[in-house]
Protein backbone atom coordinates (compact mmCIF):
# COMPACT_ATOMS: atom_id res chain seq x y z
CA MET A 1 84.20 119.35 64.13
CA ASN A 2 87.76 119.08 64.03
CA ILE A 3 89.97 116.82 66.50
CA VAL A 4 92.02 119.61 67.79
CA GLN A 5 88.56 120.54 69.17
CA PHE A 6 86.42 117.36 69.77
CA LEU A 7 90.13 116.43 72.32
CA GLN A 8 90.15 119.65 74.07
CA ASP A 9 86.12 118.45 75.01
CA PHE A 10 86.70 115.81 75.61
CA ARG A 11 89.65 117.22 78.15
CA LEU A 12 86.74 119.14 79.28
CA VAL A 13 84.08 117.02 79.91
CA LEU A 14 86.68 114.29 82.47
CA GLU A 15 87.15 117.97 83.63
CA HIS A 16 83.74 118.19 84.82
CA ILE A 17 83.91 115.22 85.93
CA ALA A 18 86.05 115.33 88.41
CA THR A 19 85.17 118.52 89.96
CA PHE A 20 81.62 117.06 90.25
CA LEU A 21 82.09 113.78 92.46
CA LYS A 22 85.33 115.83 94.62
CA THR A 23 82.58 118.32 95.56
CA ARG A 24 80.24 115.59 96.09
CA PHE A 25 82.59 112.59 98.17
CA SER A 26 84.99 114.09 100.47
CA SER A 27 88.37 112.47 99.38
CA ASN A 28 88.79 111.28 103.00
CA SER A 29 85.64 109.80 103.26
CA GLY A 30 85.59 106.80 101.29
CA TYR A 31 83.03 106.70 100.51
CA MET A 32 83.02 106.93 96.74
CA GLN A 33 85.73 103.50 95.52
CA LEU A 34 85.68 103.70 91.34
CA ASN A 35 86.75 101.77 88.71
CA LEU A 36 87.98 103.24 84.69
CA ILE A 37 88.21 100.79 81.88
CA GLY A 38 89.17 101.84 78.74
CA VAL A 39 88.56 100.34 75.50
CA ASP A 40 89.09 101.32 71.80
CA SER A 41 88.59 99.60 68.65
CA ASN A 42 90.95 96.48 69.98
CA GLY A 43 90.50 95.71 73.37
CA VAL A 44 90.86 97.06 76.50
CA VAL A 45 94.51 99.75 77.14
CA LEU A 46 93.42 100.90 80.67
CA GLN A 47 92.32 99.31 83.52
CA GLU A 48 91.77 101.61 86.98
CA ALA A 49 90.66 99.07 89.38
CA ASN A 50 89.28 100.82 93.23
CA PHE A 51 90.64 104.27 93.39
CA GLY A 52 89.36 107.74 94.86
CA VAL A 53 88.35 110.43 94.29
CA ASP A 54 91.34 112.11 95.65
CA SER A 55 93.19 109.88 92.96
CA ILE A 56 90.85 111.19 90.14
CA ASP A 57 92.36 113.93 88.62
CA GLU A 58 95.67 111.36 87.65
CA LYS A 59 93.43 108.01 86.38
CA PHE A 60 91.77 110.95 84.33
CA ALA A 61 95.46 111.82 83.45
CA LYS A 62 96.08 108.45 82.33
CA LEU A 63 92.81 108.56 78.95
CA LYS A 64 93.47 109.73 75.75
CA GLN A 65 91.39 110.17 73.08
CA ILE A 66 92.64 109.53 69.46
CA LYS A 67 90.37 110.23 67.28
């Protein structure tokens, strides 16, 4: 698998997760609160705490797969 395909697959997986959560939990219900932590070999590179389904696309957009 080449790196371009890998990165496309990474984005596709995030999109599927976001779609699933948005269809199962109303964005204004407050029933689902998420914490997102991004790590690499150097440590934590992203921390997003206590956000709702309504902002999941914005938070997932901050994730980057490099390798």
